[in-house]
Amino acid sequence: MPPAPAQEVLRGTLDLLILRTLALAPEHGWGIAQRIELQSNEALQIGQGSLYPALQRLENKGWIDSGWETTDQNRRAKYYRLTATGRRALQAETDSWRRYVHAVELILTNG
């Protein structure tokens, strides 16, 4: 059975992945997508059509904020950073995700 497409895997988890990525360091959109791809050994790929609406949603919640900066390649890019509220949300979302994974694992193991 082939692995689920990246979009299927990410549904409902993209916010968590973005928050976790920004907990490491502020980053621009393309950098966030690249870091997630790298850390997942290229199993997860984030399209712009999913990434930027998620970033806007997280910013509207006050979990991240943004500002224009210059990249290492001397280009202007919007950088995103985790807020204090976002750090608390990251912890809550991580705890929730782990409970969910544990419950699924129980079903798979005992099923």
PDB file of N, CA and C in Angstrom:
ATOM      1  N   MET A   1       0.846  -1.177   0.000  1.00  0.00           N
ATOM      2  CA  MET A   1       0.000   0.000   0.000  1.00  0.00           C
ATOM      3  C   MET A   1       0.890   1.237   0.000  1.00  0.00           C
ATOM      4  N   PRO A   2       0.706   2.156  -0.946  1.00  0.00           N
ATOM      5  CA  PRO A   2       1.550   3.356  -1.003  1.00  0.00           C
ATOM      6  C   PRO A   2       1.247   4.282   0.162  1.00  0.00           C
ATOM      7  N   PRO A   3       2.256   5.094   0.557  1.00  0.00           N
ATOM      8  CA  PRO A   3       2.020   6.044   1.646  1.00  0.00           C
ATOM      9  C   PRO A   3       0.963   7.064   1.247  1.00  0.00           C
ATOM     10  N   ALA A   4       0.301   7.624   2.242  1.00  0.00           N
ATOM     11  CA  ALA A   4      -0.702   8.657   1.992  1.00  0.00           C
ATOM     12  C   ALA A   4      -0.036   9.881   1.391  1.00  0.00           C
ATOM     13  N   PRO A   5      -0.732  10.564   0.494  1.00  0.00           N
ATOM     14  CA  PRO A   5      -0.161  11.803  -0.049  1.00  0.00           C
ATOM     15  C   PRO A   5       0.116  12.786   1.075  1.00  0.00           C
ATOM     16  N   ALA A   6       1.078  13.674   0.857  1.00  0.00           N
ATOM     17  CA  ALA A   6       1.482  14.631   1.886  1.00  0.00           C
ATOM     18  C   ALA A   6       0.291  15.441   2.392  1.00  0.00           C
ATOM     19  N   GLN A   7      -0.623  15.849   1.502  1.00  0.00           N
ATOM     20  CA  GLN A   7      -1.764  16.640   1.930  1.00  0.00           C
ATOM     21  C   GLN A   7      -2.626  15.858   2.918  1.00  0.00           C
ATOM     22  N   GLU A   8      -2.803  14.573   2.694  1.00  0.00           N
ATOM     23  CA  GLU A   8      -3.582  13.754   3.611  1.00  0.00           C
ATOM     24  C   GLU A   8      -2.900  13.700   4.977  1.00  0.00           C
ATOM     25  N   VAL A   9      -1.598  13.523   4.981  1.00  0.00           N
ATOM     26  CA  VAL A   9      -0.846  13.436   6.234  1.00  0.00           C
ATOM     27  C   VAL A   9      -0.937  14.745   7.004  1.00  0.00           C
ATOM     28  N   LEU A  10      -0.890  15.854   6.288  1.00  0.00           N
ATOM     29  CA  LEU A  10      -0.816  17.151   6.948  1.00  0.00           C
ATOM     30  C   LEU A  10      -2.148  17.687   7.428  1.00  0.00           C
ATOM     31  N   ARG A  11      -3.243  17.163   6.896  1.00  0.00           N
ATOM     32  CA  ARG A  11      -4.538  17.695   7.291  1.00  0.00           C
ATOM     33  C   ARG A  11      -4.677  17.629   8.812  1.00  0.00           C
ATOM     34  N   GLY A  12      -4.885  18.777   9.435  1.00  0.00           N
ATOM     35  CA  GLY A  12      -5.040  18.823  10.885  1.00  0.00           C
ATOM     36  C   GLY A  12      -3.738  18.901  11.665  1.00  0.00           C
ATOM     37  N   THR A  13      -2.604  18.755  11.002  1.00  0.00           N
ATOM     38  CA  THR A  13      -1.325  18.794  11.715  1.00  0.00           C
ATOM     39  C   THR A  13      -0.420  19.921  11.250  1.00  0.00           C
ATOM     40  N   LEU A  14      -0.785  20.598  10.197  1.00  0.00           N
ATOM     41  CA  LEU A  14       0.089  21.629   9.642  1.00  0.00           C
ATOM     42  C   LEU A  14       0.380  22.731  10.654  1.00  0.00           C
ATOM     43  N   ASP A  15      -0.629  23.174  11.392  1.00  0.00           N
ATOM     44  CA  ASP A  15      -0.402  24.221  12.393  1.00  0.00           C
ATOM     45  C   ASP A  15       0.644  23.779  13.413  1.00  0.00           C
ATOM     46  N   LEU A  16       0.526  22.546  13.881  1.00  0.00           N
ATOM     47  CA  LEU A  16       1.487  22.014  14.850  1.00  0.00           C
ATOM     48  C   LEU A  16       2.897  21.988  14.261  1.00  0.00           C
ATOM     49  N   LEU A  17       3.030  21.551  13.019  1.00  0.00           N
ATOM     50  CA  LEU A  17       4.346  21.484  12.383  1.00  0.00           C
ATOM     51  C   LEU A  17       4.958  22.880  12.218  1.00  0.00           C
ATOM     52  N   ILE A  18       4.139  23.845  11.862  1.00  0.00           N
ATOM     53  CA  ILE A  18       4.632  25.222  11.713  1.00  0.00           C
ATOM     54  C   ILE A  18       5.069  25.766  13.068  1.00  0.00           C
ATOM     55  N   LEU A  19       4.241  25.581  14.093  1.00  0.00           N
ATOM     56  CA  LEU A  19       4.606  26.081  15.423  1.00  0.00           C
ATOM     57  C   LEU A  19       5.909  25.455  15.897  1.00  0.00           C
ATOM     58  N   ARG A  20       6.051  24.153  15.697  1.00  0.00           N
ATOM     59  CA  ARG A  20       7.272  23.463  16.127  1.00  0.00           C
ATOM     60  C   ARG A  20       8.488  23.998  15.373  1.00  0.00           C
ATOM     61  N   THR A  21       8.327  24.231  14.094  1.00  0.00           N
ATOM     62  CA  THR A  21       9.422  24.756  13.277  1.00  0.00           C
ATOM     63  C   THR A  21       9.828  26.147  13.753  1.00  0.00           C
ATOM     64  N   LEU A  22       8.845  26.990  14.050  1.00  0.00           N
ATOM     65  CA  LEU A  22       9.152  28.356  14.496  1.00  0.00           C
ATOM     66  C   LEU A  22       9.678  28.396  15.924  1.00  0.00           C
ATOM     67  N   ALA A  23       9.479  27.329  16.695  1.00  0.00           N
ATOM     68  CA  ALA A  23      10.051  27.266  18.045  1.00  0.00           C
ATOM     69  C   ALA A  23      11.574  27.184  17.965  1.00  0.00           C
ATOM     70  N   LEU A  24      12.092  26.713  16.840  1.00  0.00           N
ATOM     71  CA  LEU A  24      13.543  26.600  16.655  1.00  0.00           C
ATOM     72  C   LEU A  24      14.171  27.950  16.335  1.00  0.00           C
ATOM     73  N   ALA A  25      13.498  28.727  15.481  1.00  0.00           N
ATOM     74  CA  ALA A  25      14.016  30.039  15.076  1.00  0.00           C
ATOM     75  C   ALA A  25      12.998  30.719  14.175  1.00  0.00           C
ATOM     76  N   PRO A  26      12.991  32.056  14.137  1.00  0.00           N
ATOM     77  CA  PRO A  26      12.136  32.754  13.170  1.00  0.00           C
ATOM     78  C   PRO A  26      12.520  32.329  11.763  1.00  0.00           C
ATOM     79  N   GLU A  27      11.550  32.331  10.865  1.00  0.00           N
ATOM     80  CA  GLU A  27      11.824  31.845   9.500  1.00  0.00           C
ATOM     81  C   GLU A  27      10.803  32.450   8.544  1.00  0.00           C
ATOM     82  N   HIS A  28      11.193  32.549   7.271  1.00  0.00           N
ATOM     83  CA  HIS A  28      10.255  32.988   6.235  1.00  0.00           C
ATOM     84  C   HIS A  28       9.496  31.767   5.722  1.00  0.00           C
ATOM     85  N   GLY A  29       8.434  32.004   4.993  1.00  0.00           N
ATOM     86  CA  GLY A  29       7.556  30.920   4.554  1.00  0.00           C
ATOM     87  C   GLY A  29       8.271  29.791   3.839  1.00  0.00           C
ATOM     88  N   TRP A  30       9.074  30.127   2.833  1.00  0.00           N
ATOM     89  CA  TRP A  30       9.786  29.093   2.087  1.00  0.00           C
ATOM     90  C   TRP A  30      10.704  28.306   3.009  1.00  0.00           C
ATOM     91  N   GLY A  31      11.350  28.991   3.949  1.00  0.00           N
ATOM     92  CA  GLY A  31      12.238  28.322   4.899  1.00  0.00           C
ATOM     93  C   GLY A  31      11.485  27.369   5.815  1.00  0.00           C
ATOM     94  N   ILE A  32      10.270  27.748   6.211  1.00  0.00           N
ATOM     95  CA  ILE A  32       9.443  26.863   7.044  1.00  0.00           C
ATOM     96  C   ILE A  32       9.146  25.582   6.283  1.00  0.00           C
ATOM     97  N   ALA A  33       8.701  25.723   5.036  1.00  0.00           N
ATOM     98  CA  ALA A  33       8.383  24.550   4.218  1.00  0.00           C
ATOM     99  C   ALA A  33       9.617  23.673   4.023  1.00  0.00           C
ATOM    100  N   GLN A  34      10.758  24.287   3.771  1.00  0.00           N
ATOM    101  CA  GLN A  34      11.998  23.527   3.565  1.00  0.00           C
ATOM    102  C   GLN A  34      12.417  22.786   4.826  1.00  0.00           C
ATOM    103  N   ARG A  35      12.301  23.442   5.974  1.00  0.00           N
ATOM    104  CA  ARG A  35      12.700  22.812   7.236  1.00  0.00           C
ATOM    105  C   ARG A  35      11.810  21.611   7.548  1.00  0.00           C
ATOM    106  N   ILE A  36      10.503  21.740   7.330  1.00  0.00           N
ATOM    107  CA  ILE A  36       9.587  20.626   7.569  1.00  0.00           C
ATOM    108  C   ILE A  36       9.938  19.462   6.632  1.00  0.00           C
ATOM    109  N   GLU A  37      10.203  19.776   5.377  1.00  0.00           N
ATOM    110  CA  GLU A  37      10.583  18.733   4.419  1.00  0.00           C
ATOM    111  C   GLU A  37      11.873  18.045   4.852  1.00  0.00           C
ATOM    112  N   LEU A  38      12.862  18.817   5.250  1.00  0.00           N
ATOM    113  CA  LEU A  38      14.150  18.270   5.667  1.00  0.00           C
ATOM    114  C   LEU A  38      14.005  17.412   6.919  1.00  0.00           C
ATOM    115  N   GLN A  39      13.297  17.927   7.923  1.00  0.00           N
ATOM    116  CA  GLN A  39      13.161  17.200   9.182  1.00  0.00           C
ATOM    117  C   GLN A  39      12.324  15.931   9.037  1.00  0.00           C
ATOM    118  N   SER A  40      11.482  15.861   8.012  1.00  0.00           N
ATOM    119  CA  SER A  40      10.669  14.664   7.792  1.00  0.00           C
ATOM    120  C   SER A  40      11.325  13.708   6.796  1.00  0.00           C
ATOM    121  N   ASN A  41      12.604  13.937   6.496  1.00  0.00           N
ATOM    122  CA  ASN A  41      13.307  13.137   5.481  1.00  0.00           C
ATOM    123  C   ASN A  41      12.550  13.138   4.160  1.00  0.00           C
ATOM    124  N   GLU A  42      12.011  14.312   3.813  1.00  0.00           N
ATOM    125  CA  GLU A  42      11.300  14.577   2.569  1.00  0.00           C
ATOM    126  C   GLU A  42       9.980  13.816   2.440  1.00  0.00           C
ATOM    127  N   ALA A  43       9.471  13.285   3.551  1.00  0.00           N
ATOM    128  CA  ALA A  43       8.180  12.596   3.524  1.00  0.00           C
ATOM    129  C   ALA A  43       7.022  13.590   3.455  1.00  0.00           C
ATOM    130  N   LEU A  44       7.225  14.787   4.016  1.00  0.00           N
ATOM    131  CA  LEU A  44       6.184  15.810   4.029  1.00  0.00           C
ATOM    132  C   LEU A  44       6.619  16.992   3.186  1.00  0.00           C
ATOM    133  N   GLN A  45       5.762  17.387   2.278  1.00  0.00           N
ATOM    134  CA  GLN A  45       6.025  18.558   1.447  1.00  0.00           C
ATOM    135  C   GLN A  45       4.839  19.495   1.584  1.00  0.00           C
ATOM    136  N   ILE A  46       5.138  20.749   1.853  1.00  0.00           N
ATOM    137  CA  ILE A  46       4.109  21.745   2.106  1.00  0.00           C
ATOM    138  C   ILE A  46       3.983  22.648   0.891  1.00  0.00           C
ATOM    139  N   GLY A  47       2.819  22.688   0.302  1.00  0.00           N
ATOM    140  CA  GLY A  47       2.572  23.582  -0.821  1.00  0.00           C
ATOM    141  C   GLY A  47       2.216  24.976  -0.331  1.00  0.00           C
ATOM    142  N   GLN A  48       2.480  25.973  -1.166  1.00  0.00           N
ATOM    143  CA  GLN A  48       2.174  27.360  -0.805  1.00  0.00           C
ATOM    144  C   GLN A  48       0.689  27.549  -0.552  1.00  0.00           C
ATOM    145  N   GLY A  49      -0.144  26.800  -1.257  1.00  0.00           N
ATOM    146  CA  GLY A  49      -1.592  26.907  -1.098  1.00  0.00           C
ATOM    147  C   GLY A  49      -2.066  26.445   0.265  1.00  0.00           C
ATOM    148  N   SER A  50      -1.265  25.657   0.959  1.00  0.00           N
ATOM    149  CA  SER A  50      -1.581  25.231   2.325  1.00  0.00           C
ATOM    150  C   SER A  50      -0.831  26.069   3.345  1.00  0.00           C
ATOM    151  N   LEU A  51       0.430  26.381   3.044  1.00  0.00           N
ATOM    152  CA  LEU A  51       1.295  27.051   4.005  1.00  0.00           C
ATOM    153  C   LEU A  51       0.825  28.462   4.348  1.00  0.00           C
ATOM    154  N   TYR A  52       0.609  29.283   3.341  1.00  0.00           N
ATOM    155  CA  TYR A  52       0.327  30.694   3.625  1.00  0.00           C
ATOM    156  C   TYR A  52      -1.036  30.918   4.289  1.00  0.00           C
ATOM    157  N   PRO A  53      -2.083  30.175   3.928  1.00  0.00           N
ATOM    158  CA  PRO A  53      -3.323  30.304   4.711  1.00  0.00           C
ATOM    159  C   PRO A  53      -3.128  29.868   6.166  1.00  0.00           C
ATOM    160  N   ALA A  54      -2.312  28.834   6.395  1.00  0.00           N
ATOM    161  CA  ALA A  54      -2.042  28.387   7.768  1.00  0.00           C
ATOM    162  C   ALA A  54      -1.283  29.468   8.534  1.00  0.00           C
ATOM    163  N   LEU A  55      -0.298  30.087   7.908  1.00  0.00           N
ATOM    164  CA  LEU A  55       0.451  31.165   8.569  1.00  0.00           C
ATOM    165  C   LEU A  55      -0.479  32.325   8.918  1.00  0.00           C
ATOM    166  N   GLN A  56      -1.380  32.670   8.014  1.00  0.00           N
ATOM    167  CA  GLN A  56      -2.330  33.751   8.279  1.00  0.00           C
ATOM    168  C   GLN A  56      -3.266  33.362   9.428  1.00  0.00           C
ATOM    169  N   ARG A  57      -3.723  32.122   9.441  1.00  0.00           N
ATOM    170  CA  ARG A  57      -4.600  31.635  10.512  1.00  0.00           C
ATOM    171  C   ARG A  57      -3.888  31.715  11.870  1.00  0.00           C
ATOM    172  N   LEU A  58      -2.628  31.280  11.911  1.00  0.00           N
ATOM    173  CA  LEU A  58      -1.858  31.312  13.159  1.00  0.00           C
ATOM    174  C   LEU A  58      -1.589  32.747  13.608  1.00  0.00           C
ATOM    175  N   GLU A  59      -1.357  33.619  12.649  1.00  0.00           N
ATOM    176  CA  GLU A  59      -1.136  35.032  12.986  1.00  0.00           C
ATOM    177  C   GLU A  59      -2.426  35.655  13.532  1.00  0.00           C
ATOM    178  N   ASN A  60      -3.563  35.315  12.934  1.00  0.00           N
ATOM    179  CA  ASN A  60      -4.853  35.828  13.412  1.00  0.00           C
ATOM    180  C   ASN A  60      -5.156  35.346  14.825  1.00  0.00           C
ATOM    181  N   LYS A  61      -4.699  34.162  15.189  1.00  0.00           N
ATOM    182  CA  LYS A  61      -4.889  33.628  16.536  1.00  0.00           C
ATOM    183  C   LYS A  61      -3.932  34.262  17.543  1.00  0.00           C
ATOM    184  N   GLY A  62      -2.912  34.974  17.044  1.00  0.00           N
ATOM    185  CA  GLY A  62      -1.912  35.575  17.925  1.00  0.00           C
ATOM    186  C   GLY A  62      -0.821  34.598  18.334  1.00  0.00           C
ATOM    187  N   TRP A  63      -0.742  33.460  17.656  1.00  0.00           N
ATOM    188  CA  TRP A  63       0.262  32.442  17.988  1.00  0.00           C
ATOM    189  C   TRP A  63       1.605  32.735  17.339  1.00  0.00           C
ATOM    190  N   ILE A  64       1.586  33.486  16.233  1.00  0.00           N
ATOM    191  CA  ILE A  64       2.814  33.926  15.575  1.00  0.00           C
ATOM    192  C   ILE A  64       2.656  35.392  15.202  1.00  0.00           C
ATOM    193  N   ASP A  65       3.782  36.062  14.984  1.00  0.00           N
ATOM    194  CA  ASP A  65       3.733  37.386  14.401  1.00  0.00           C
ATOM    195  C   ASP A  65       4.756  37.429  13.282  1.00  0.00           C
ATOM    196  N   SER A  66       4.768  38.526  12.546  1.00  0.00           N
ATOM    197  CA  SER A  66       5.642  38.583  11.375  1.00  0.00           C
ATOM    198  C   SER A  66       6.174  39.986  11.157  1.00  0.00           C
ATOM    199  N   GLY A  67       7.224  40.046  10.377  1.00  0.00           N
ATOM    200  CA  GLY A  67       7.817  41.316   9.990  1.00  0.00           C
ATOM    201  C   GLY A  67       8.749  41.112   8.811  1.00  0.00           C
ATOM    202  N   TRP A  68       8.956  42.159   8.056  1.00  0.00           N
ATOM    203  CA  TRP A  68       9.807  42.076   6.866  1.00  0.00           C
ATOM    204  C   TRP A  68      11.270  42.209   7.262  1.00  0.00           C
ATOM    205  N   GLU A  69      12.087  41.297   6.724  1.00  0.00           N
ATOM    206  CA  GLU A  69      13.531  41.303   6.975  1.00  0.00           C
ATOM    207  C   GLU A  69      14.254  40.952   5.678  1.00  0.00           C
ATOM    208  N   THR A  70      15.569  41.045   5.715  1.00  0.00           N
ATOM    209  CA  THR A  70      16.386  40.694   4.559  1.00  0.00           C
ATOM    210  C   THR A  70      16.968  39.301   4.764  1.00  0.00           C
ATOM    211  N   THR A  71      16.857  38.458   3.732  1.00  0.00           N
ATOM    212  CA  THR A  71      17.363  37.088   3.813  1.00  0.00           C
ATOM    213  C   THR A  71      18.875  37.067   3.620  1.00  0.00           C
ATOM    214  N   ASP A  72      19.465  35.886   3.769  1.00  0.00           N
ATOM    215  CA  ASP A  72      20.901  35.715   3.523  1.00  0.00           C
ATOM    216  C   ASP A  72      21.258  36.020   2.073  1.00  0.00           C
ATOM    217  N   GLN A  73      20.281  35.885   1.172  1.00  0.00           N
ATOM    218  CA  GLN A  73      20.503  36.179  -0.247  1.00  0.00           C
ATOM    219  C   GLN A  73      20.173  37.633  -0.593  1.00  0.00           C
ATOM    220  N   ASN A  74      20.059  38.463   0.459  1.00  0.00           N
ATOM    221  CA  ASN A  74      19.813  39.897   0.309  1.00  0.00           C
ATOM    222  C   ASN A  74      18.467  40.202  -0.366  1.00  0.00           C
ATOM    223  N   ARG A  75      17.452  39.381  -0.071  1.00  0.00           N
ATOM    224  CA  ARG A  75      16.103  39.624  -0.570  1.00  0.00           C
ATOM    225  C   ARG A  75      15.194  39.915   0.616  1.00  0.00           C
ATOM    226  N   ARG A  76      14.147  40.671   0.358  1.00  0.00           N
ATOM    227  CA  ARG A  76      13.182  40.960   1.421  1.00  0.00           C
ATOM    228  C   ARG A  76      12.196  39.801   1.512  1.00  0.00           C
ATOM    229  N   ALA A  77      11.930  39.379   2.737  1.00  0.00           N
ATOM    230  CA  ALA A  77      10.982  38.291   2.964  1.00  0.00           C
ATOM    231  C   ALA A  77      10.268  38.532   4.283  1.00  0.00           C
ATOM    232  N   LYS A  78       9.056  38.038   4.363  1.00  0.00           N
ATOM    233  CA  LYS A  78       8.281  38.147   5.596  1.00  0.00           C
ATOM    234  C   LYS A  78       8.703  36.999   6.506  1.00  0.00           C
ATOM    235  N   TYR A  79       9.251  37.342   7.662  1.00  0.00           N
ATOM    236  CA  TYR A  79       9.691  36.345   8.647  1.00  0.00           C
ATOM    237  C   TYR A  79       8.617  36.187   9.717  1.00  0.00           C
ATOM    238  N   TYR A  80       8.425  34.950  10.112  1.00  0.00           N
ATOM    239  CA  TYR A  80       7.430  34.614  11.135  1.00  0.00           C
ATOM    240  C   TYR A  80       8.157  34.161  12.393  1.00  0.00           C
ATOM    241  N   ARG A  81       7.590  34.511  13.548  1.00  0.00           N
ATOM    242  CA  ARG A  81       8.170  34.087  14.826  1.00  0.00           C
ATOM    243  C   ARG A  81       7.054  33.717  15.779  1.00  0.00           C
ATOM    244  N   LEU A  82       7.369  32.806  16.673  1.00  0.00           N
ATOM    245  CA  LEU A  82       6.426  32.336  17.675  1.00  0.00           C
ATOM    246  C   LEU A  82       6.244  33.400  18.756  1.00  0.00           C
ATOM    247  N   THR A  83       5.021  33.623  19.182  1.00  0.00           N
ATOM    248  CA  THR A  83       4.742  34.530  20.300  1.00  0.00           C
ATOM    249  C   THR A  83       4.692  33.706  21.598  1.00  0.00           C
ATOM    250  N   ALA A  84       4.605  34.379  22.723  1.00  0.00           N
ATOM    251  CA  ALA A  84       4.465  33.668  24.004  1.00  0.00           C
ATOM    252  C   ALA A  84       3.183  32.833  24.000  1.00  0.00           C
ATOM    253  N   THR A  85       2.112  33.385  23.463  1.00  0.00           N
ATOM    254  CA  THR A  85       0.856  32.643  23.348  1.00  0.00           C
ATOM    255  C   THR A  85       1.046  31.428  22.440  1.00  0.00           C
ATOM    256  N   GLY A  86       1.831  31.607  21.390  1.00  0.00           N
ATOM    257  CA  GLY A  86       2.125  30.510  20.470  1.00  0.00           C
ATOM    258  C   GLY A  86       2.915  29.395  21.132  1.00  0.00           C
ATOM    259  N   ARG A  87       3.825  29.759  22.032  1.00  0.00           N
ATOM    260  CA  ARG A  87       4.589  28.727  22.757  1.00  0.00           C
ATOM    261  C   ARG A  87       3.667  27.895  23.641  1.00  0.00           C
ATOM    262  N   ARG A  88       2.724  28.549  24.279  1.00  0.00           N
ATOM    263  CA  ARG A  88       1.759  27.804  25.106  1.00  0.00           C
ATOM    264  C   ARG A  88       0.868  26.932  24.222  1.00  0.00           C
ATOM    265  N   ALA A  89       0.459  27.477  23.086  1.00  0.00           N
ATOM    266  CA  ALA A  89      -0.365  26.706  22.149  1.00  0.00           C
ATOM    267  C   ALA A  89       0.410  25.508  21.609  1.00  0.00           C
ATOM    268  N   LEU A  90       1.688  25.691  21.326  1.00  0.00           N
ATOM    269  CA  LEU A  90       2.521  24.592  20.845  1.00  0.00           C
ATOM    270  C   LEU A  90       2.534  23.460  21.859  1.00  0.00           C
ATOM    271  N   GLN A  91       2.691  23.791  23.134  1.00  0.00           N
ATOM    272  CA  GLN A  91       2.705  22.755  24.166  1.00  0.00           C
ATOM    273  C   GLN A  91       1.364  22.029  24.231  1.00  0.00           C
ATOM    274  N   ALA A  92       0.273  22.789  24.199  1.00  0.00           N
ATOM    275  CA  ALA A  92      -1.065  22.189  24.259  1.00  0.00           C
ATOM    276  C   ALA A  92      -1.334  21.325  23.030  1.00  0.00           C
ATOM    277  N   GLU A  93      -0.958  21.816  21.851  1.00  0.00           N
ATOM    278  CA  GLU A  93      -1.168  21.062  20.609  1.00  0.00           C
ATOM    279  C   GLU A  93      -0.311  19.796  20.584  1.00  0.00           C
ATOM    280  N   THR A  94       0.915  19.894  21.087  1.00  0.00           N
ATOM    281  CA  THR A  94       1.803  18.732  21.154  1.00  0.00           C
ATOM    282  C   THR A  94       1.225  17.681  22.086  1.00  0.00           C
ATOM    283  N   ASP A  95       0.758  18.099  23.247  1.00  0.00           N
ATOM    284  CA  ASP A  95       0.148  17.159  24.196  1.00  0.00           C
ATOM    285  C   ASP A  95      -1.071  16.484  23.578  1.00  0.00           C
ATOM    286  N   SER A  96      -1.903  17.262  22.907  1.00  0.00           N
ATOM    287  CA  SER A  96      -3.095  16.720  22.258  1.00  0.00           C
ATOM    288  C   SER A  96      -2.713  15.719  21.173  1.00  0.00           C
ATOM    289  N   TRP A  97      -1.712  16.072  20.362  1.00  0.00           N
ATOM    290  CA  TRP A  97      -1.255  15.176  19.288  1.00  0.00           C
ATOM    291  C   TRP A  97      -0.746  13.864  19.870  1.00  0.00           C
ATOM    292  N   ARG A  98       0.020  13.932  20.935  1.00  0.00           N
ATOM    293  CA  ARG A  98       0.568  12.714  21.545  1.00  0.00           C
ATOM    294  C   ARG A  98      -0.536  11.828  22.113  1.00  0.00           C
ATOM    295  N   ARG A  99      -1.575  12.433  22.703  1.00  0.00           N
ATOM    296  CA  ARG A  99      -2.712  11.640  23.186  1.00  0.00           C
ATOM    297  C   ARG A  99      -3.410  10.953  22.021  1.00  0.00           C
ATOM    298  N   TYR A 100      -3.567  11.660  20.924  1.00  0.00           N
ATOM    299  CA  TYR A 100      -4.208  11.111  19.730  1.00  0.00           C
ATOM    300  C   TYR A 100      -3.398   9.941  19.168  1.00  0.00           C
ATOM    301  N   VAL A 101      -2.099  10.130  19.024  1.00  0.00           N
ATOM    302  CA  VAL A 101      -1.226   9.074  18.505  1.00  0.00           C
ATOM    303  C   VAL A 101      -1.264   7.858  19.419  1.00  0.00           C
ATOM    304  N   HIS A 102      -1.253   8.081  20.717  1.00  0.00           N
ATOM    305  CA  HIS A 102      -1.321   6.973  21.678  1.00  0.00           C
ATOM    306  C   HIS A 102      -2.633   6.201  21.508  1.00  0.00           C
ATOM    307  N   ALA A 103      -3.739   6.916  21.356  1.00  0.00           N
ATOM    308  CA  ALA A 103      -5.038   6.255  21.185  1.00  0.00           C
ATOM    309  C   ALA A 103      -5.072   5.432  19.900  1.00  0.00           C
ATOM    310  N   VAL A 104      -4.542   5.975  18.818  1.00  0.00           N
ATOM    311  CA  VAL A 104      -4.500   5.231  17.553  1.00  0.00           C
ATOM    312  C   VAL A 104      -3.601   4.011  17.705  1.00  0.00           C
ATOM    313  N   GLU A 105      -2.475   4.183  18.368  1.00  0.00           N
ATOM    314  CA  GLU A 105      -1.554   3.064  18.582  1.00  0.00           C
ATOM    315  C   GLU A 105      -2.225   1.944  19.392  1.00  0.00           C
ATOM    316  N   LEU A 106      -3.021   2.316  20.384  1.00  0.00           N
ATOM    317  CA  LEU A 106      -3.762   1.306  21.154  1.00  0.00           C
ATOM    318  C   LEU A 106      -4.680   0.495  20.252  1.00  0.00           C
ATOM    319  N   ILE A 107      -5.368   1.172  19.371  1.00  0.00           N
ATOM    320  CA  ILE A 107      -6.278   0.488  18.446  1.00  0.00           C
ATOM    321  C   ILE A 107      -5.499  -0.411  17.490  1.00  0.00           C
ATOM    322  N   LEU A 108      -4.396   0.080  16.961  1.00  0.00           N
ATOM    323  CA  LEU A 108      -3.601  -0.712  16.023  1.00  0.00           C
ATOM    324  C   LEU A 108      -2.987  -1.931  16.707  1.00  0.00           C
ATOM    325  N   THR A 109      -2.559  -1.752  17.937  1.00  0.00           N
ATOM    326  CA  THR A 109      -1.925  -2.836  18.677  1.00  0.00           C
ATOM    327  C   THR A 109      -2.937  -3.875  19.136  1.00  0.00           C
ATOM    328  N   ASN A 110      -4.100  -3.416  19.591  1.00  0.00           N
ATOM    329  CA  ASN A 110      -5.092  -4.329  20.149  1.00  0.00           C
ATOM    330  C   ASN A 110      -6.154  -4.747  19.157  1.00  0.00           C
ATOM    331  N   GLY A 111      -6.130  -4.126  17.970  1.00  0.00           N
ATOM    332  CA  GLY A 111      -7.175  -4.370  16.993  1.00  0.00           C
ATOM    333  C   GLY A 111      -7.125  -5.717  16.393  1.00  0.00           C
TER     334      GLY A 111
END
